[in-house]
Amino acid sequence: MPRKKLAPVHPGEILVEEFLKPLALTEYRLAKGLRVPARRINEIVHGKRAITADTALRLGCFFRNSPRFWLNLQTGFDLENEADRLGAKLTRDVEILRRAG
């Protein structure tokens, strides 16, 4: 029986599980610390909003880690979702460049 592929993990889930919960931070406290609307953090946490460059810079500063960490999480999530959505259509539609020689 084929294994069902797991859905990609949204960066908001990582934010909650790896940062907010262990540090006992609320979404509201994080939003205040980032100087962003609480709704932005809530939408990220619930997978309804992407992490933008602005948010990545703020998260990186707040948590003292790399903004690229946050953007890489978002990019990885986006790529996996799109690859799942396109599926075999991608290999059917895109011509592969053949090198001469």
N, C-alpha and C. Protein backbone atom coordinates (compact mmCIF):
# COMPACT_ATOMS: atom_id res chain seq x y z
N MET A 1 0.83 -1.17 0.00
CA MET A 1 0.00 0.00 0.00
C MET A 1 0.89 1.25 0.00
N PRO A 2 0.64 2.19 -0.92
CA PRO A 2 1.49 3.39 -1.00
C PRO A 2 1.31 4.27 0.23
N ARG A 3 2.41 4.86 0.64
CA ARG A 3 2.37 5.77 1.79
C ARG A 3 1.81 7.12 1.36
N LYS A 4 0.99 7.69 2.22
CA LYS A 4 0.46 9.01 1.94
C LYS A 4 1.50 10.04 2.35
N LYS A 5 1.76 10.99 1.45
CA LYS A 5 2.75 12.04 1.72
C LYS A 5 2.17 13.01 2.74
N LEU A 6 3.01 13.37 3.71
CA LEU A 6 2.61 14.35 4.70
C LEU A 6 2.55 15.74 4.08
N ALA A 7 1.61 16.52 4.56
CA ALA A 7 1.49 17.90 4.08
C ALA A 7 2.69 18.70 4.57
N PRO A 8 3.13 19.66 3.78
CA PRO A 8 4.24 20.51 4.20
C PRO A 8 3.89 21.24 5.51
N VAL A 9 4.89 21.50 6.31
CA VAL A 9 4.69 22.19 7.59
C VAL A 9 4.79 23.70 7.35
N HIS A 10 3.75 24.41 7.74
CA HIS A 10 3.74 25.86 7.59
C HIS A 10 4.70 26.48 8.61
N PRO A 11 5.40 27.54 8.24
CA PRO A 11 6.30 28.19 9.19
C PRO A 11 5.62 28.63 10.48
N GLY A 12 4.34 28.91 10.42
CA GLY A 12 3.60 29.29 11.62
C GLY A 12 3.58 28.18 12.65
N GLU A 13 3.52 26.94 12.18
CA GLU A 13 3.53 25.80 13.10
C GLU A 13 4.90 25.70 13.80
N ILE A 14 5.95 25.96 13.06
CA ILE A 14 7.29 25.94 13.65
C ILE A 14 7.44 27.09 14.64
N LEU A 15 6.91 28.24 14.28
CA LEU A 15 6.94 29.39 15.19
C LEU A 15 6.29 29.03 16.52
N VAL A 16 5.13 28.38 16.46
CA VAL A 16 4.43 28.01 17.69
C VAL A 16 5.18 26.94 18.46
N GLU A 17 5.48 25.84 17.79
CA GLU A 17 6.03 24.66 18.48
C GLU A 17 7.48 24.82 18.94
N GLU A 18 8.27 25.55 18.19
CA GLU A 18 9.69 25.67 18.50
C GLU A 18 10.08 26.97 19.21
N PHE A 19 9.18 27.95 19.18
CA PHE A 19 9.53 29.24 19.77
C PHE A 19 8.50 29.69 20.82
N LEU A 20 7.26 29.86 20.42
CA LEU A 20 6.28 30.40 21.36
C LEU A 20 6.05 29.50 22.57
N LYS A 21 5.75 28.23 22.32
CA LYS A 21 5.49 27.32 23.44
C LYS A 21 6.69 27.16 24.37
N PRO A 22 7.87 26.83 23.84
CA PRO A 22 9.02 26.64 24.74
C PRO A 22 9.39 27.90 25.54
N LEU A 23 9.14 29.06 24.95
CA LEU A 23 9.49 30.31 25.62
C LEU A 23 8.30 30.91 26.38
N ALA A 24 7.18 30.20 26.39
CA ALA A 24 5.96 30.67 27.06
C ALA A 24 5.56 32.07 26.59
N LEU A 25 5.64 32.28 25.28
CA LEU A 25 5.25 33.55 24.69
C LEU A 25 3.87 33.44 24.07
N THR A 26 3.08 34.47 24.19
CA THR A 26 1.79 34.51 23.52
C THR A 26 1.96 35.18 22.15
N GLU A 27 1.00 34.96 21.29
CA GLU A 27 1.00 35.63 20.00
C GLU A 27 1.00 37.14 20.21
N TYR A 28 0.20 37.58 21.17
CA TYR A 28 0.10 39.01 21.45
C TYR A 28 1.44 39.59 21.90
N ARG A 29 2.12 38.90 22.79
CA ARG A 29 3.42 39.37 23.28
C ARG A 29 4.44 39.45 22.14
N LEU A 30 4.42 38.44 21.26
CA LEU A 30 5.32 38.46 20.11
C LEU A 30 5.00 39.64 19.21
N ALA A 31 3.73 39.85 18.93
CA ALA A 31 3.33 40.97 18.07
C ALA A 31 3.78 42.30 18.66
N LYS A 32 3.61 42.46 19.95
CA LYS A 32 4.06 43.69 20.62
C LYS A 32 5.57 43.85 20.48
N GLY A 33 6.31 42.77 20.68
CA GLY A 33 7.75 42.82 20.56
C GLY A 33 8.24 43.11 19.16
N LEU A 34 7.49 42.65 18.17
CA LEU A 34 7.87 42.89 16.77
C LEU A 34 7.35 44.23 16.26
N ARG A 35 6.44 44.83 17.01
CA ARG A 35 5.77 46.07 16.60
C ARG A 35 4.97 45.85 15.31
N VAL A 36 4.19 44.76 15.32
CA VAL A 36 3.31 44.45 14.20
C VAL A 36 1.91 44.19 14.76
N PRO A 37 0.88 44.27 13.92
CA PRO A 37 -0.46 43.95 14.41
C PRO A 37 -0.55 42.49 14.88
N ALA A 38 -1.26 42.27 15.96
CA ALA A 38 -1.44 40.91 16.49
C ALA A 38 -2.07 40.00 15.45
N ARG A 39 -2.91 40.56 14.61
CA ARG A 39 -3.57 39.76 13.57
C ARG A 39 -2.53 39.12 12.64
N ARG A 40 -1.46 39.83 12.33
CA ARG A 40 -0.42 39.29 11.45
C ARG A 40 0.15 38.00 12.05
N ILE A 41 0.49 38.03 13.34
CA ILE A 41 1.05 36.84 13.98
C ILE A 41 0.01 35.74 14.04
N ASN A 42 -1.23 36.08 14.36
CA ASN A 42 -2.30 35.09 14.43
C ASN A 42 -2.50 34.40 13.08
N GLU A 43 -2.48 35.15 12.01
CA GLU A 43 -2.66 34.57 10.68
C GLU A 43 -1.48 33.69 10.29
N ILE A 44 -0.27 34.08 10.67
CA ILE A 44 0.90 33.24 10.40
C ILE A 44 0.78 31.93 11.18
N VAL A 45 0.47 32.03 12.45
CA VAL A 45 0.35 30.86 13.33
C VAL A 45 -0.71 29.88 12.81
N HIS A 46 -1.77 30.41 12.23
CA HIS A 46 -2.85 29.55 11.72
C HIS A 46 -2.68 29.17 10.24
N GLY A 47 -1.51 29.49 9.68
CA GLY A 47 -1.22 29.08 8.30
C GLY A 47 -1.98 29.84 7.25
N LYS A 48 -2.49 31.01 7.59
CA LYS A 48 -3.29 31.80 6.64
C LYS A 48 -2.50 32.95 6.03
N ARG A 49 -1.26 33.09 6.47
CA ARG A 49 -0.44 34.20 5.98
C ARG A 49 1.00 33.72 5.87
N ALA A 50 1.68 34.22 4.86
CA ALA A 50 3.09 33.86 4.66
C ALA A 50 3.98 34.78 5.47
N ILE A 51 5.18 34.31 5.72
CA ILE A 51 6.20 35.14 6.35
C ILE A 51 6.88 35.95 5.26
N THR A 52 6.74 37.25 5.35
CA THR A 52 7.34 38.17 4.38
C THR A 52 8.76 38.52 4.82
N ALA A 53 9.47 39.22 3.95
CA ALA A 53 10.82 39.67 4.29
C ALA A 53 10.78 40.58 5.53
N ASP A 54 9.79 41.45 5.61
CA ASP A 54 9.65 42.34 6.76
C ASP A 54 9.48 41.53 8.05
N THR A 55 8.59 40.57 8.02
CA THR A 55 8.35 39.75 9.21
C THR A 55 9.57 38.91 9.53
N ALA A 56 10.25 38.38 8.52
CA ALA A 56 11.46 37.58 8.75
C ALA A 56 12.54 38.41 9.43
N LEU A 57 12.71 39.64 9.00
CA LEU A 57 13.70 40.51 9.63
C LEU A 57 13.35 40.78 11.09
N ARG A 58 12.08 41.00 11.35
CA ARG A 58 11.63 41.27 12.72
C ARG A 58 11.78 40.03 13.61
N LEU A 59 11.38 38.87 13.07
CA LEU A 59 11.52 37.63 13.84
C LEU A 59 12.99 37.33 14.12
N GLY A 60 13.85 37.53 13.13
CA GLY A 60 15.27 37.29 13.30
C GLY A 60 15.86 38.18 14.38
N CYS A 61 15.46 39.43 14.39
CA CYS A 61 15.94 40.37 15.40
C CYS A 61 15.42 39.97 16.79
N PHE A 62 14.14 39.68 16.88
CA PHE A 62 13.51 39.35 18.16
C PHE A 62 14.11 38.09 18.77
N PHE A 63 14.23 37.04 17.97
CA PHE A 63 14.72 35.75 18.48
C PHE A 63 16.24 35.60 18.36
N ARG A 64 16.91 36.63 17.84
CA ARG A 64 18.36 36.60 17.66
C ARG A 64 18.80 35.41 16.80
N ASN A 65 18.07 35.23 15.71
CA ASN A 65 18.50 34.23 14.73
C ASN A 65 18.45 34.88 13.35
N SER A 66 18.67 34.10 12.33
CA SER A 66 18.79 34.65 10.99
C SER A 66 17.41 34.89 10.35
N PRO A 67 17.23 36.05 9.73
CA PRO A 67 16.01 36.25 8.94
C PRO A 67 15.88 35.22 7.82
N ARG A 68 17.04 34.75 7.33
CA ARG A 68 17.02 33.73 6.27
C ARG A 68 16.39 32.43 6.76
N PHE A 69 16.55 32.13 8.04
CA PHE A 69 15.90 30.95 8.62
C PHE A 69 14.40 31.02 8.37
N TRP A 70 13.82 32.17 8.66
CA TRP A 70 12.37 32.33 8.52
C TRP A 70 11.95 32.32 7.05
N LEU A 71 12.72 33.01 6.21
CA LEU A 71 12.39 33.02 4.78
C LEU A 71 12.58 31.64 4.16
N ASN A 72 13.60 30.91 4.58
CA ASN A 72 13.82 29.55 4.08
C ASN A 72 12.67 28.63 4.46
N LEU A 73 12.16 28.78 5.68
CA LEU A 73 10.99 27.99 6.07
C LEU A 73 9.82 28.27 5.13
N GLN A 74 9.59 29.55 4.84
CA GLN A 74 8.47 29.92 3.98
C GLN A 74 8.69 29.43 2.55
N THR A 75 9.91 29.61 2.04
CA THR A 75 10.22 29.18 0.68
C THR A 75 10.07 27.66 0.54
N GLY A 76 10.58 26.92 1.51
CA GLY A 76 10.44 25.47 1.48
C GLY A 76 8.99 25.05 1.48
N PHE A 77 8.18 25.70 2.31
CA PHE A 77 6.75 25.41 2.37
C PHE A 77 6.09 25.70 1.02
N ASP A 78 6.39 26.85 0.45
CA ASP A 78 5.81 27.24 -0.84
C ASP A 78 6.20 26.27 -1.95
N LEU A 79 7.48 25.88 -2.00
CA LEU A 79 7.95 24.96 -3.04
C LEU A 79 7.28 23.59 -2.92
N GLU A 80 7.19 23.07 -1.69
CA GLU A 80 6.54 21.77 -1.50
C GLU A 80 5.08 21.81 -1.90
N ASN A 81 4.39 22.87 -1.52
CA ASN A 81 2.98 23.00 -1.89
C ASN A 81 2.80 23.06 -3.39
N GLU A 82 3.63 23.83 -4.04
CA GLU A 82 3.51 23.98 -5.49
C GLU A 82 3.88 22.69 -6.21
N ALA A 83 4.91 22.00 -5.73
CA ALA A 83 5.29 20.72 -6.33
C ALA A 83 4.16 19.70 -6.18
N ASP A 84 3.52 19.69 -5.03
CA ASP A 84 2.38 18.79 -4.82
C ASP A 84 1.23 19.16 -5.74
N ARG A 85 1.00 20.45 -5.89
CA ARG A 85 -0.12 20.91 -6.73
C ARG A 85 0.12 20.57 -8.21
N LEU A 86 1.35 20.79 -8.66
CA LEU A 86 1.66 20.53 -10.07
C LEU A 86 1.81 19.04 -10.37
N GLY A 87 2.40 18.32 -9.44
CA GLY A 87 2.57 16.88 -9.62
C GLY A 87 3.27 16.52 -10.91
N ALA A 88 2.75 15.51 -11.58
CA ALA A 88 3.36 15.01 -12.82
C ALA A 88 3.20 16.00 -13.97
N LYS A 89 2.30 16.96 -13.85
CA LYS A 89 2.10 17.95 -14.91
C LYS A 89 3.40 18.70 -15.20
N LEU A 90 4.19 18.94 -14.17
CA LEU A 90 5.44 19.67 -14.35
C LEU A 90 6.37 18.92 -15.30
N THR A 91 6.57 17.63 -15.09
CA THR A 91 7.48 16.87 -15.94
C THR A 91 6.89 16.65 -17.34
N ARG A 92 5.58 16.69 -17.45
CA ARG A 92 4.95 16.57 -18.77
C ARG A 92 5.05 17.87 -19.56
N ASP A 93 4.90 19.00 -18.87
CA ASP A 93 4.82 20.30 -19.56
C ASP A 93 6.17 20.96 -19.85
N VAL A 94 7.16 20.68 -19.02
CA VAL A 94 8.42 21.41 -19.15
C VAL A 94 9.42 20.56 -19.93
N GLU A 95 9.97 21.18 -20.94
CA GLU A 95 11.00 20.51 -21.74
C GLU A 95 12.32 20.58 -21.00
N ILE A 96 13.04 19.49 -20.98
CA ILE A 96 14.35 19.46 -20.33
C ILE A 96 15.42 19.83 -21.36
N LEU A 97 16.27 20.76 -21.00
CA LEU A 97 17.35 21.20 -21.88
C LEU A 97 18.35 20.07 -22.05
N ARG A 98 18.63 19.72 -23.27
CA ARG A 98 19.63 18.69 -23.58
C ARG A 98 20.91 19.39 -24.01
N ARG A 99 21.98 19.10 -23.37
CA ARG A 99 23.27 19.70 -23.70
C ARG A 99 23.89 18.97 -24.89
N ALA A 100 24.43 19.74 -25.81
CA ALA A 100 25.11 19.14 -26.97
C ALA A 100 26.46 18.61 -26.52
N GLY A 101 26.86 17.53 -27.13
CA GLY A 101 28.22 17.08 -26.84
C GLY A 101 28.27 15.73 -26.43
